[in-house]
Protein backbone atom coordinates (compact mmCIF):
# COMPACT_ATOMS: atom_id res chain seq x y z
CA MET A 1 0.00 0.00 0.00
CA MET A 2 1.21 3.51 -0.77
CA ARG A 3 -0.20 6.82 0.43
CA ALA A 4 0.64 10.22 -1.05
CA LYS A 5 -0.47 13.81 -0.53
CA ARG A 6 -0.30 16.94 -2.60
CA THR A 7 1.69 19.94 -1.31
CA ASP A 8 0.81 23.59 -1.77
CA ASP A 9 3.18 23.69 -4.73
CA GLY A 10 1.15 20.99 -6.54
CA ILE A 11 3.74 18.28 -6.02
CA TYR A 12 2.74 14.79 -4.80
CA VAL A 13 4.81 13.41 -1.94
CA VAL A 14 4.74 9.81 -0.66
CA VAL A 15 4.00 9.83 3.04
CA LYS A 16 3.56 6.11 3.62
CA HIS A 17 4.65 2.97 1.80
CA GLU A 18 3.70 -0.51 3.06
CA THR A 19 5.88 -3.10 1.36
CA ASN A 20 4.02 -6.14 2.72
CA HIS A 21 0.84 -7.27 0.89
CA ASN A 22 -2.24 -6.70 2.96
CA HIS A 23 -4.70 -8.18 0.46
CA THR A 24 -4.89 -11.36 -1.67
CA MET A 25 -3.39 -11.14 -5.16
CA THR A 26 -6.16 -13.27 -6.69
CA ARG A 27 -9.18 -15.23 -5.66
CA GLU A 28 -8.44 -18.56 -4.05
CA GLU A 29 -10.56 -20.46 -6.59
CA TRP A 30 -8.42 -18.96 -9.38
CA SER A 31 -5.00 -19.65 -7.88
CA HIS A 32 -4.48 -22.85 -9.88
CA PHE A 33 -4.45 -20.80 -13.11
CA HIS A 34 -1.17 -19.07 -12.20
CA ARG A 35 1.82 -20.40 -14.14
CA SER A 36 3.79 -20.86 -10.91
CA GLU A 37 1.09 -23.19 -9.62
CA ARG A 38 0.82 -25.26 -12.80
CA GLN A 39 3.14 -28.19 -13.32
CA ILE A 40 2.96 -31.81 -14.43
CA THR A 41 5.08 -33.83 -12.06
CA ASP A 42 6.79 -37.08 -13.00
CA GLU A 43 4.16 -39.03 -11.07
CA LYS A 44 1.31 -37.36 -12.94
CA ALA A 45 3.15 -37.74 -16.24
CA ARG A 46 3.38 -41.51 -15.79
CA ALA A 47 -0.31 -41.69 -14.90
CA ILE A 48 -1.25 -39.65 -17.98
CA GLU A 49 0.94 -41.85 -20.20
CA ASP A 50 -0.75 -45.00 -18.88
CA MET A 51 -4.22 -43.57 -19.47
CA THR A 52 -3.30 -42.36 -22.97
CA SER A 53 -1.83 -45.73 -23.96
CA SER A 54 -5.02 -47.44 -22.73
CA GLY A 55 -7.05 -45.39 -25.19
CA MET A 56 -8.45 -42.65 -22.98
CA ARG A 57 -8.87 -39.23 -24.55
CA ALA A 58 -7.10 -36.21 -23.09
CA THR A 59 -10.31 -34.69 -21.75
CA GLU A 60 -11.32 -38.01 -20.19
CA SER A 61 -8.00 -38.53 -18.41
CA PHE A 62 -8.06 -34.94 -17.12
CA ARG A 63 -11.55 -35.38 -15.70
CA TYR A 64 -10.45 -38.67 -14.12
CA LEU A 65 -7.58 -36.90 -12.34
CA ALA A 66 -9.89 -34.07 -11.28
CA HIS A 67 -12.38 -36.54 -9.84
CA ASN A 68 -9.67 -38.30 -7.81
CA VAL A 69 -8.32 -35.09 -6.24
CA GLY A 70 -11.65 -33.42 -5.61
CA GLY A 71 -11.91 -30.92 -8.45
CA GLU A 72 -10.02 -29.28 -11.33
CA GLU A 73 -8.57 -26.66 -9.00
CA ASN A 74 -6.65 -29.43 -7.18
CA VAL A 75 -5.16 -31.15 -10.25
CA GLY A 76 -2.14 -28.84 -10.39
CA HIS A 77 -2.46 -27.95 -14.09
CA THR A 78 -5.19 -26.80 -16.44
CA MET A 79 -7.09 -28.68 -19.11
CA LYS A 80 -5.03 -26.89 -21.80
CA ASP A 81 -1.78 -27.98 -20.14
CA HIS A 82 -3.09 -31.53 -20.03
CA ILE A 83 -4.09 -31.60 -23.71
CA ASN A 84 -0.75 -30.12 -24.79
CA PHE A 85 1.09 -32.77 -22.78
CA VAL A 86 -0.92 -35.58 -24.39
CA ASN A 87 -0.28 -34.15 -27.87
CA ARG A 88 3.46 -34.14 -27.16
CA LEU A 89 3.22 -37.78 -26.10
CA LYS A 90 1.56 -38.71 -29.38
CA SER A 91 4.12 -36.83 -31.46
CA ASN A 92 6.92 -38.81 -29.81
CA ILE A 93 5.48 -42.23 -30.71
CA ILE A 94 7.64 -42.47 -33.83
CA GLU A 95 11.25 -42.25 -32.68
CA ALA A 96 14.53 -43.64 -34.01
CA GLY A 97 13.02 -46.07 -36.50
CA ASP A 98 10.66 -43.53 -38.05
CA ALA A 99 11.10 -44.42 -41.71
CA GLU A 100 11.34 -48.16 -41.00
CA THR A 101 8.08 -48.07 -39.06
CA VAL A 102 6.28 -46.34 -41.91
CA LEU A 103 7.71 -48.68 -44.54
CA ASP A 104 6.74 -51.73 -42.48
CA MET A 105 3.16 -50.49 -42.35
CA LEU A 106 3.12 -49.96 -46.13
CA GLN A 107 4.52 -53.42 -46.80
CA ASP A 108 2.04 -55.08 -44.45
CA GLN A 109 -0.87 -53.29 -46.08
CA GLU A 110 0.36 -54.22 -49.57
CA ALA A 111 0.39 -57.88 -48.55
CA GLU A 112 -3.20 -57.67 -47.25
CA GLU A 113 -4.76 -55.55 -50.02
CA ASN A 114 -4.49 -56.50 -53.69
CA ASP A 115 -4.97 -53.00 -55.13
CA PHE A 116 -2.72 -51.28 -52.61
CA PHE A 117 0.26 -49.46 -54.13
CA TYR A 118 3.10 -47.41 -52.73
CA LYS A 119 6.36 -45.94 -53.97
CA ILE A 120 9.20 -44.26 -52.09
CA LYS A 121 12.08 -41.99 -53.09
CA MET A 122 15.38 -41.67 -51.26
CA ASP A 123 17.67 -38.63 -51.25
CA ASP A 124 21.40 -38.63 -52.00
CA GLU A 125 22.21 -39.54 -48.39
CA GLY A 126 19.94 -42.57 -48.42
CA ARG A 127 17.20 -40.94 -46.35
CA LEU A 128 13.50 -41.18 -47.05
CA ALA A 129 12.51 -38.13 -49.11
CA ASN A 130 9.08 -38.83 -50.67
CA ILE A 131 6.27 -41.34 -50.19
CA PHE A 132 3.28 -41.99 -52.42
CA TRP A 133 0.58 -44.48 -51.48
CA ARG A 134 -3.01 -45.27 -52.35
CA ASP A 135 -5.36 -48.03 -51.30
CA SER A 136 -8.14 -49.72 -53.25
CA MET A 137 -10.75 -47.22 -52.11
CA MET A 138 -8.63 -44.30 -53.35
CA LYS A 139 -8.23 -46.04 -56.70
CA GLU A 140 -11.98 -46.45 -57.08
CA ASP A 141 -12.55 -42.83 -56.04
CA TYR A 142 -10.13 -41.61 -58.69
CA GLU A 143 -11.78 -43.70 -61.39
CA ILE A 144 -15.11 -42.06 -60.50
CA TYR A 145 -14.03 -38.50 -59.75
CA GLY A 146 -10.51 -38.21 -61.19
CA ASP A 147 -11.37 -36.06 -64.21
CA VAL A 148 -13.38 -33.74 -61.98
CA MET A 149 -10.12 -32.26 -60.69
CA ASN A 150 -9.15 -31.18 -64.20
CA THR A 151 -12.58 -29.64 -64.63
CA ILE A 152 -12.29 -27.72 -61.36
CA LYS A 153 -8.85 -26.40 -62.31
CA ARG A 154 -10.26 -25.19 -65.63
CA TRP A 155 -13.19 -23.52 -63.84
CA ARG A 156 -10.79 -21.70 -61.51
CA ARG A 157 -8.81 -20.33 -64.43
CA VAL A 158 -12.01 -19.12 -66.08
CA GLU A 159 -13.26 -17.68 -62.78
CA GLN A 160 -10.08 -15.67 -62.28
CA GLN A 161 -10.39 -14.24 -65.79
CA ASP A 162 -14.09 -13.47 -65.22
CA GLU A 163 -13.32 -11.70 -61.93
CA PHE A 164 -10.72 -9.58 -63.72
CA ASN A 165 -13.20 -8.74 -66.48
CA CYS A 166 -15.93 -7.87 -63.97
CA SER A 167 -13.58 -5.49 -62.17
CA ARG A 168 -13.22 -3.51 -65.40
CA ALA A 169 -16.79 -3.69 -66.70
CA ARG A 170 -20.38 -4.35 -65.70
CA PRO A 171 -20.74 -7.87 -64.22
CA ASP A 172 -22.83 -10.28 -66.24
CA SER A 173 -24.17 -13.82 -65.84
CA TYR A 174 -22.04 -16.56 -67.38
CA PHE A 175 -25.08 -18.74 -68.10
CA GLU A 176 -27.07 -16.66 -70.52
CA ILE A 177 -30.64 -17.93 -70.91
CA ALA A 178 -31.58 -15.24 -73.41
CA GLY A 179 -30.26 -15.01 -76.93
CA MET A 180 -31.09 -16.01 -80.47
CA VAL A 181 -32.67 -19.44 -80.98
CA SER A 182 -33.51 -20.72 -84.45
CA HIS A 183 -34.78 -24.01 -85.87
CA ALA A 184 -32.37 -25.63 -88.27
CA SER A 185 -34.43 -28.75 -89.01
CA GLU A 186 -37.12 -31.01 -87.59
CA HIS A 187 -37.87 -34.69 -88.11
CA ASP A 188 -40.54 -36.63 -86.17
CA THR A 189 -39.72 -35.99 -82.49
CA THR A 190 -36.20 -34.72 -83.17
CA THR A 191 -35.54 -31.00 -83.56
CA VAL A 192 -32.25 -29.26 -84.30
CA TYR A 193 -31.75 -25.79 -82.82
CA THR A 194 -29.06 -23.20 -83.26
CA VAL A 195 -28.40 -21.18 -80.10
CA THR A 196 -26.30 -18.02 -80.19
CA SER A 197 -25.51 -15.40 -77.57
CA SER A 198 -23.87 -12.02 -77.54
CA LYS A 199 -20.90 -13.31 -75.55
CA GLU A 200 -19.94 -16.14 -77.88
CA GLU A 201 -18.21 -16.01 -81.23
CA CYS A 202 -19.55 -19.45 -82.11
CA CYS A 203 -22.99 -20.93 -81.60
CA GLY A 204 -24.22 -24.19 -80.18
CA GLN A 205 -26.16 -26.64 -82.31
CA VAL A 206 -28.54 -28.51 -80.06
CA ILE A 207 -30.38 -31.72 -81.01
CA PHE A 208 -33.42 -32.45 -78.85
CA ASP A 209 -35.46 -35.65 -79.09
CA SER A 210 -38.71 -35.02 -77.23
CA GLY A 211 -39.80 -38.63 -77.66
CA LEU A 212 -36.72 -40.15 -76.02
CA ASN A 213 -36.11 -37.07 -73.85
CA LEU A 214 -32.49 -36.83 -75.04
CA ILE A 215 -30.47 -33.72 -75.77
CA THR A 216 -26.96 -33.12 -77.14
CA CYS A 217 -24.98 -30.03 -78.07
CA SER A 218 -22.09 -29.42 -80.42
CA CYS A 219 -20.13 -27.54 -77.73
CA MET A 220 -19.53 -30.91 -75.98
CA LYS A 221 -19.67 -29.43 -72.48
CA PHE A 222 -21.63 -32.40 -71.15
CA GLU A 223 -19.10 -34.86 -72.57
CA VAL A 224 -16.17 -32.88 -71.14
CA ASP A 225 -17.46 -31.53 -67.81
CA GLY A 226 -20.34 -33.91 -67.15
CA MET A 227 -22.90 -31.07 -66.94
CA LEU A 228 -25.29 -29.58 -69.46
CA CYS A 229 -24.32 -26.38 -71.25
CA HIS A 230 -26.48 -23.25 -71.27
CA HIS A 231 -27.38 -23.99 -74.90
CA SER A 232 -29.07 -27.24 -73.86
CA LEU A 233 -30.68 -25.69 -70.80
CA ARG A 234 -32.12 -22.96 -73.01
CA ILE A 235 -33.74 -25.53 -75.30
CA LEU A 236 -35.12 -27.53 -72.37
CA LEU A 237 -36.65 -24.32 -71.06
CA ILE A 238 -38.24 -23.53 -74.41
CA ASN A 239 -39.77 -27.01 -74.56
CA SER A 240 -41.11 -26.72 -70.98
CA VAL A 241 -38.99 -29.63 -69.73
CA GLN A 242 -39.07 -29.23 -65.94
CA ARG A 243 -36.64 -32.02 -65.05
CA ILE A 244 -33.20 -32.63 -66.47
CA PRO A 245 -33.28 -35.90 -68.46
CA GLU A 246 -31.87 -38.89 -66.58
CA ALA A 247 -29.40 -39.53 -69.40
CA CYS A 248 -27.94 -36.06 -68.76
CA ILE A 249 -27.15 -36.70 -65.11
CA LYS A 250 -23.79 -38.35 -64.56
CA LYS A 251 -23.85 -41.05 -61.92
CA ARG A 252 -20.88 -39.48 -60.14
CA TRP A 253 -23.07 -36.50 -59.16
CA THR A 254 -25.68 -38.74 -57.48
CA LYS A 255 -25.93 -40.37 -54.06
CA ILE A 256 -25.37 -43.81 -55.61
CA ALA A 257 -22.10 -42.80 -57.32
CA LYS A 258 -20.11 -45.45 -55.43
CA SER A 259 -22.74 -48.20 -55.36
CA GLU A 260 -20.71 -50.40 -57.71
CA VAL A 261 -17.64 -49.90 -55.54
CA TRP A 262 -19.47 -51.09 -52.42
CA ASP A 263 -20.87 -54.07 -54.34
CA LYS A 264 -17.34 -54.97 -55.43
CA PHE A 265 -16.00 -54.79 -51.88
CA GLY A 266 -19.03 -56.68 -50.62
CA LYS A 267 -18.02 -59.74 -52.64
CA GLU A 268 -14.74 -59.92 -50.72
CA LYS A 269 -15.94 -58.89 -47.28
CA SER A 270 -18.79 -56.98 -45.70
CA ASN A 271 -18.87 -53.20 -46.11
CA THR A 272 -18.77 -52.77 -42.34
CA GLU A 273 -15.60 -54.79 -42.05
CA LYS A 274 -14.03 -52.94 -44.97
CA LEU A 275 -14.72 -49.55 -43.44
CA GLY A 276 -13.61 -50.79 -40.05
CA ASN A 277 -10.22 -51.79 -41.47
CA SER A 278 -9.33 -49.22 -44.15
CA ILE A 279 -10.36 -45.91 -42.62
CA PRO A 280 -8.61 -46.35 -39.24
CA TRP A 281 -5.53 -47.54 -41.13
CA ARG A 282 -5.57 -44.32 -43.17
CA HIS A 283 -5.82 -42.23 -40.03
CA GLU A 284 -2.97 -44.09 -38.35
CA MET A 285 -0.81 -43.87 -41.46
CA THR A 286 -1.51 -40.17 -41.92
CA ARG A 287 -0.62 -39.45 -38.30
CA LYS A 288 2.68 -41.31 -38.55
CA LEU A 289 3.59 -39.57 -41.80
CA TYR A 290 2.73 -36.22 -40.24
CA ASN A 291 4.96 -36.91 -37.26
CA LEU A 292 7.71 -38.06 -39.59
CA VAL A 293 7.56 -34.78 -41.56
CA LEU A 294 7.64 -32.73 -38.37
CA ARG A 295 10.84 -34.45 -37.32
């Protein structure tokens, strides 16, 4: 405590200074938050290691300690300290034989799974530099969705150019539903249309079969991207077609895109067993690779 008074000259002078604390620095229920009061002793560290190795989560083991000592304020460290300690334990699982451990896992999985593939690359000093691996599920996913990545990359390039153009001019819709539509020919239920728009140098020639509910366009967007072009959508709108024809919906965009994959795996083992084996293996492998990179 310090007491001061002001003199007639306007100067403050200390008249009393009590160096001993005469009040508490913090509330008693908050004292365990101070850094000086927080520590994980060797005894607690061993207990936490045992609980972590048995499969308990960090929050569960912290609550267990808190229950045994009568509350979180008596544990001696906070929940955040506890979680950080557990994370450090997990990151130290892969030690001296890091690369060997990872390679053993890859070799074991290759022996168990027919479509599993991996390849490694060593640096000039004989150390592990790069790893590539994929399991059977990844292979099936790529066969279904692989070309989608090329489509997305192309969309991003177009989007960047469109954003640049919009910053310099009035923004406009990419999918133009207005424009010039003309009949080129008609035979039974099949009609050929020519669709042009102000933004395109070329036009789209659309063939629509109302009997079979089929539509194609010369721009080939459906064949390349797997989605109908605005030329085709314009013609469907003109003909009052309220639902996109089934033949124009790629299976990969539906909920049953991977039905054949599950049927294939089902012949070898049940889907439940497959998921129970492959997904946890991926997580374990990813964690070990992550720890290996950090080291």
